[in-house]
């Protein structure tokens, strides 16, 4: 039987911010200990509004991943968001809105049940976005897909056998 995924929705207004990085503490009580030790994390829904940025955005998962390499060496890309003027969404202000550029989410392999989640917001040229700006608002929903414990054990046994 496939394990059920976990979803965590993160609001920028509830984060600790430093430059372009937002940090959230996740209570251990949220996660089930019956899940495996590794999982995929992906950004499945997001929206960002900002009057201070007018460029496409790159969202990076800063906690460390096992299946991605980036030449910028400062976090794994978890999403790329395209800019759209807020008036396209029926608003009368000049806030820009950001929506995903792809339909299939990027799945980053991580250690399961992180107690802290850090997301970094960069412009397309890797310049930092000030996420503490008063015009910056964001909501991110992350999906955690766990590997079956038996599957993990089988894979470890196969690796051990191949390394003999």
C-alpha atoms as a PDB file:
ATOM      1  CA  UNK A   1       0.000   0.000   0.000  1.00  0.00           C
ATOM      2  CA  UNK A   2       1.255   3.449  -0.894  1.00  0.00           C
ATOM      3  CA  UNK A   3       1.807   5.861   2.000  1.00  0.00           C
ATOM      4  CA  UNK A   4      -0.274   9.005   2.155  1.00  0.00           C
ATOM      5  CA  UNK A   5       1.641  12.225   1.531  1.00  0.00           C
ATOM      6  CA  UNK A   6       1.925  15.034   4.045  1.00  0.00           C
ATOM      7  CA  UNK A   7       1.194  18.627   3.048  1.00  0.00           C
ATOM      8  CA  UNK A   8       2.508  21.686   4.848  1.00  0.00           C
ATOM      9  CA  UNK A   9       1.313  25.191   3.964  1.00  0.00           C
ATOM     10  CA  UNK A  10       3.728  27.972   4.852  1.00  0.00           C
ATOM     11  CA  UNK A  11       2.829  31.665   5.042  1.00  0.00           C
ATOM     12  CA  UNK A  12       5.616  34.203   4.661  1.00  0.00           C
ATOM     13  CA  UNK A  13       4.090  36.342   7.412  1.00  0.00           C
ATOM     14  CA  UNK A  14       4.679  33.453   9.874  1.00  0.00           C
ATOM     15  CA  UNK A  15       8.338  32.972   8.939  1.00  0.00           C
ATOM     16  CA  UNK A  16      11.560  34.223  10.372  1.00  0.00           C
ATOM     17  CA  UNK A  17      13.212  36.209   7.582  1.00  0.00           C
ATOM     18  CA  UNK A  18      16.819  36.996   6.873  1.00  0.00           C
ATOM     19  CA  UNK A  19      17.575  38.602   3.503  1.00  0.00           C
ATOM     20  CA  UNK A  20      16.011  36.332   0.894  1.00  0.00           C
ATOM     21  CA  UNK A  21      15.477  33.333   3.207  1.00  0.00           C
ATOM     22  CA  UNK A  22      12.328  32.408   5.102  1.00  0.00           C
ATOM     23  CA  UNK A  23      12.491  29.872   7.945  1.00  0.00           C
ATOM     24  CA  UNK A  24       9.636  28.006   9.603  1.00  0.00           C
ATOM     25  CA  UNK A  25       9.815  25.660  12.597  1.00  0.00           C
ATOM     26  CA  UNK A  26       7.637  22.562  12.205  1.00  0.00           C
ATOM     27  CA  UNK A  27       6.489  20.780  15.389  1.00  0.00           C
ATOM     28  CA  UNK A  28       7.643  17.158  15.682  1.00  0.00           C
ATOM     29  CA  UNK A  29       4.091  16.245  16.658  1.00  0.00           C
ATOM     30  CA  UNK A  30       2.907  16.978  13.101  1.00  0.00           C
ATOM     31  CA  UNK A  31       4.755  14.032  11.574  1.00  0.00           C
ATOM     32  CA  UNK A  32       4.060  10.336  12.007  1.00  0.00           C
ATOM     33  CA  UNK A  33       7.000   8.171  13.093  1.00  0.00           C
ATOM     34  CA  UNK A  34       5.606   5.283  11.050  1.00  0.00           C
ATOM     35  CA  UNK A  35       6.932   6.869   7.854  1.00  0.00           C
ATOM     36  CA  UNK A  36      10.240   6.030   6.232  1.00  0.00           C
ATOM     37  CA  UNK A  37      13.448   7.974   6.801  1.00  0.00           C
ATOM     38  CA  UNK A  38      13.573   9.673   3.400  1.00  0.00           C
ATOM     39  CA  UNK A  39      11.008  11.342   1.193  1.00  0.00           C
ATOM     40  CA  UNK A  40      10.500  13.608  -1.766  1.00  0.00           C
ATOM     41  CA  UNK A  41       9.511  17.212  -1.125  1.00  0.00           C
ATOM     42  CA  UNK A  42       7.960  19.339  -3.860  1.00  0.00           C
ATOM     43  CA  UNK A  43       6.296  22.723  -4.079  1.00  0.00           C
ATOM     44  CA  UNK A  44       2.802  21.892  -5.348  1.00  0.00           C
ATOM     45  CA  UNK A  45       1.038  25.252  -4.889  1.00  0.00           C
ATOM     46  CA  UNK A  46       2.303  28.765  -4.340  1.00  0.00           C
ATOM     47  CA  UNK A  47       1.484  32.391  -4.774  1.00  0.00           C
ATOM     48  CA  UNK A  48       3.682  35.399  -4.212  1.00  0.00           C
ATOM     49  CA  UNK A  49       2.710  39.066  -4.386  1.00  0.00           C
ATOM     50  CA  UNK A  50       5.323  41.799  -4.332  1.00  0.00           C
ATOM     51  CA  UNK A  51       5.601  45.402  -5.441  1.00  0.00           C
ATOM     52  CA  UNK A  52       9.388  45.377  -5.065  1.00  0.00           C
ATOM     53  CA  UNK A  53      10.280  42.641  -7.585  1.00  0.00           C
ATOM     54  CA  UNK A  54       9.525  42.670 -11.300  1.00  0.00           C
ATOM     55  CA  UNK A  55      11.380  39.565 -12.462  1.00  0.00           C
ATOM     56  CA  UNK A  56      10.747  35.812 -12.630  1.00  0.00           C
ATOM     57  CA  UNK A  57      11.591  34.037  -9.387  1.00  0.00           C
ATOM     58  CA  UNK A  58      13.457  30.894  -8.388  1.00  0.00           C
ATOM     59  CA  UNK A  59      12.464  29.204  -5.118  1.00  0.00           C
ATOM     60  CA  UNK A  60      15.217  27.177  -3.454  1.00  0.00           C
ATOM     61  CA  UNK A  61      14.937  24.547  -0.733  1.00  0.00           C
ATOM     62  CA  UNK A  62      17.865  25.348   1.557  1.00  0.00           C
ATOM     63  CA  UNK A  63      17.689  22.394   3.973  1.00  0.00           C
ATOM     64  CA  UNK A  64      19.841  20.149   1.759  1.00  0.00           C
ATOM     65  CA  UNK A  65      18.794  17.554  -0.792  1.00  0.00           C
ATOM     66  CA  UNK A  66      20.320  14.300  -2.003  1.00  0.00           C
ATOM     67  CA  UNK A  67      19.332  14.241  -5.683  1.00  0.00           C
ATOM     68  CA  UNK A  68      20.067  17.674  -7.111  1.00  0.00           C
ATOM     69  CA  UNK A  69      23.107  19.705  -8.094  1.00  0.00           C
ATOM     70  CA  UNK A  70      23.074  23.409  -8.902  1.00  0.00           C
ATOM     71  CA  UNK A  71      25.943  25.512 -10.181  1.00  0.00           C
ATOM     72  CA  UNK A  72      24.982  28.381  -7.867  1.00  0.00           C
ATOM     73  CA  UNK A  73      25.741  26.166  -4.836  1.00  0.00           C
ATOM     74  CA  UNK A  74      23.177  27.900  -2.602  1.00  0.00           C
ATOM     75  CA  UNK A  75      20.154  25.633  -2.279  1.00  0.00           C
ATOM     76  CA  UNK A  76      18.239  23.220  -4.486  1.00  0.00           C
ATOM     77  CA  UNK A  77      15.750  24.631  -6.981  1.00  0.00           C
ATOM     78  CA  UNK A  78      12.266  23.506  -5.939  1.00  0.00           C
ATOM     79  CA  UNK A  79      10.242  25.818  -8.232  1.00  0.00           C
ATOM     80  CA  UNK A  80      10.452  28.538 -10.848  1.00  0.00           C
ATOM     81  CA  UNK A  81       7.716  31.156 -10.847  1.00  0.00           C
ATOM     82  CA  UNK A  82       6.747  33.479 -13.682  1.00  0.00           C
ATOM     83  CA  UNK A  83       5.789  37.099 -13.024  1.00  0.00           C
ATOM     84  CA  UNK A  84       2.352  38.430 -13.940  1.00  0.00           C
ATOM     85  CA  UNK A  85       1.126  41.930 -13.228  1.00  0.00           C
ATOM     86  CA  UNK A  86      -1.468  41.958 -10.466  1.00  0.00           C
ATOM     87  CA  UNK A  87      -4.018  43.676 -12.692  1.00  0.00           C
ATOM     88  CA  UNK A  88      -4.220  40.393 -14.653  1.00  0.00           C
ATOM     89  CA  UNK A  89      -5.781  38.885 -11.510  1.00  0.00           C
ATOM     90  CA  UNK A  90      -8.425  41.577 -11.155  1.00  0.00           C
ATOM     91  CA  UNK A  91      -6.587  43.735  -8.646  1.00  0.00           C
ATOM     92  CA  UNK A  92      -6.242  47.469  -9.117  1.00  0.00           C
ATOM     93  CA  UNK A  93      -2.825  47.796  -7.516  1.00  0.00           C
ATOM     94  CA  UNK A  94       0.600  47.305  -9.040  1.00  0.00           C
ATOM     95  CA  UNK A  95       1.477  44.186  -7.049  1.00  0.00           C
ATOM     96  CA  UNK A  96       3.039  41.514  -9.224  1.00  0.00           C
ATOM     97  CA  UNK A  97       1.844  37.923  -8.800  1.00  0.00           C
ATOM     98  CA  UNK A  98       3.947  34.840  -9.420  1.00  0.00           C
ATOM     99  CA  UNK A  99       2.711  31.473 -10.657  1.00  0.00           C
ATOM    100  CA  UNK A 100       4.561  28.204 -11.439  1.00  0.00           C
ATOM    101  CA  UNK A 101       6.202  27.954 -14.861  1.00  0.00           C
ATOM    102  CA  UNK A 102       5.936  24.155 -15.066  1.00  0.00           C
ATOM    103  CA  UNK A 103       3.195  21.623 -14.549  1.00  0.00           C
ATOM    104  CA  UNK A 104       5.324  18.824 -13.048  1.00  0.00           C
ATOM    105  CA  UNK A 105       6.826  19.740  -9.671  1.00  0.00           C
ATOM    106  CA  UNK A 106      10.524  19.241  -8.962  1.00  0.00           C
ATOM    107  CA  UNK A 107      10.935  16.436  -6.399  1.00  0.00           C
ATOM    108  CA  UNK A 108      13.859  16.888  -4.021  1.00  0.00           C
ATOM    109  CA  UNK A 109      15.002  13.835  -2.040  1.00  0.00           C
ATOM    110  CA  UNK A 110      15.440  14.774   1.622  1.00  0.00           C
ATOM    111  CA  UNK A 111      15.627  13.283   5.094  1.00  0.00           C
ATOM    112  CA  UNK A 112      12.055  12.822   6.259  1.00  0.00           C
ATOM    113  CA  UNK A 113      10.306  14.931   8.875  1.00  0.00           C
ATOM    114  CA  UNK A 114      12.366  18.148   8.850  1.00  0.00           C
ATOM    115  CA  UNK A 115      11.957  20.181  12.040  1.00  0.00           C
ATOM    116  CA  UNK A 116      12.804  23.356  10.152  1.00  0.00           C
ATOM    117  CA  UNK A 117      12.066  24.381   6.580  1.00  0.00           C
ATOM    118  CA  UNK A 118      14.043  27.091   4.806  1.00  0.00           C
ATOM    119  CA  UNK A 119      13.061  28.534   1.448  1.00  0.00           C
ATOM    120  CA  UNK A 120      15.163  31.078  -0.378  1.00  0.00           C
ATOM    121  CA  UNK A 121      13.674  33.431  -2.990  1.00  0.00           C
ATOM    122  CA  UNK A 122      15.936  34.623  -5.793  1.00  0.00           C
ATOM    123  CA  UNK A 123      15.431  36.569  -8.994  1.00  0.00           C
ATOM    124  CA  UNK A 124      16.181  34.740 -12.222  1.00  0.00           C
ATOM    125  CA  UNK A 125      19.737  36.192 -12.213  1.00  0.00           C
ATOM    126  CA  UNK A 126      20.277  34.738  -8.687  1.00  0.00           C
ATOM    127  CA  UNK A 127      19.990  38.131  -6.976  1.00  0.00           C
ATOM    128  CA  UNK A 128      18.336  38.033  -3.579  1.00  0.00           C
ATOM    129  CA  UNK A 129      14.733  39.088  -3.005  1.00  0.00           C
ATOM    130  CA  UNK A 130      14.063  40.927   0.257  1.00  0.00           C
ATOM    131  CA  UNK A 131      11.335  38.698   1.689  1.00  0.00           C
ATOM    132  CA  UNK A 132      11.035  41.000   4.700  1.00  0.00           C
ATOM    133  CA  UNK A 133       9.799  43.869   2.491  1.00  0.00           C
ATOM    134  CA  UNK A 134       6.362  45.099   3.570  1.00  0.00           C
ATOM    135  CA  UNK A 135       4.956  44.483   0.079  1.00  0.00           C
ATOM    136  CA  UNK A 136       6.115  40.832  -0.011  1.00  0.00           C
ATOM    137  CA  UNK A 137       3.423  38.226   0.687  1.00  0.00           C
ATOM    138  CA  UNK A 138       3.689  34.508  -0.086  1.00  0.00           C
ATOM    139  CA  UNK A 139       1.991  31.192   0.565  1.00  0.00           C
ATOM    140  CA  UNK A 140       3.714  27.891  -0.263  1.00  0.00           C
ATOM    141  CA  UNK A 141       2.294  24.371  -0.020  1.00  0.00           C
ATOM    142  CA  UNK A 142       4.886  21.614   0.154  1.00  0.00           C
ATOM    143  CA  UNK A 143       4.099  17.952  -0.487  1.00  0.00           C
ATOM    144  CA  UNK A 144       6.110  15.225   1.267  1.00  0.00           C
ATOM    145  CA  UNK A 145       5.995  11.808  -0.440  1.00  0.00           C
ATOM    146  CA  UNK A 146       7.473   9.022   1.683  1.00  0.00           C
ATOM    147  CA  UNK A 147       9.143   5.815   0.602  1.00  0.00           C
ATOM    148  CA  UNK A 148       7.787   2.604   2.066  1.00  0.00           C
ATOM    149  CA  UNK A 149       9.995   1.364   4.907  1.00  0.00           C
ATOM    150  CA  UNK A 150      10.193  -2.112   3.318  1.00  0.00           C
ATOM    151  CA  UNK A 151      11.257  -0.551   0.003  1.00  0.00           C
ATOM    152  CA  UNK A 152      14.051   1.351   1.769  1.00  0.00           C
ATOM    153  CA  UNK A 153      15.317  -1.819   3.467  1.00  0.00           C
ATOM    154  CA  UNK A 154      15.212  -3.766   0.187  1.00  0.00           C
ATOM    155  CA  UNK A 155      17.208  -1.037  -1.575  1.00  0.00           C
ATOM    156  CA  UNK A 156      19.822  -0.958   1.201  1.00  0.00           C
ATOM    157  CA  UNK A 157      20.197  -4.753   1.012  1.00  0.00           C
ATOM    158  CA  UNK A 158      20.607  -4.578  -2.777  1.00  0.00           C
ATOM    159  CA  UNK A 159      23.302  -1.903  -2.430  1.00  0.00           C
ATOM    160  CA  UNK A 160      25.121  -3.924   0.232  1.00  0.00           C
ATOM    161  CA  UNK A 161      25.035  -7.005  -2.024  1.00  0.00           C
ATOM    162  CA  UNK A 162      26.346  -5.042  -5.018  1.00  0.00           C
ATOM    163  CA  UNK A 163      29.209  -3.568  -2.935  1.00  0.00           C
ATOM    164  CA  UNK A 164      30.449  -7.008  -1.787  1.00  0.00           C
END
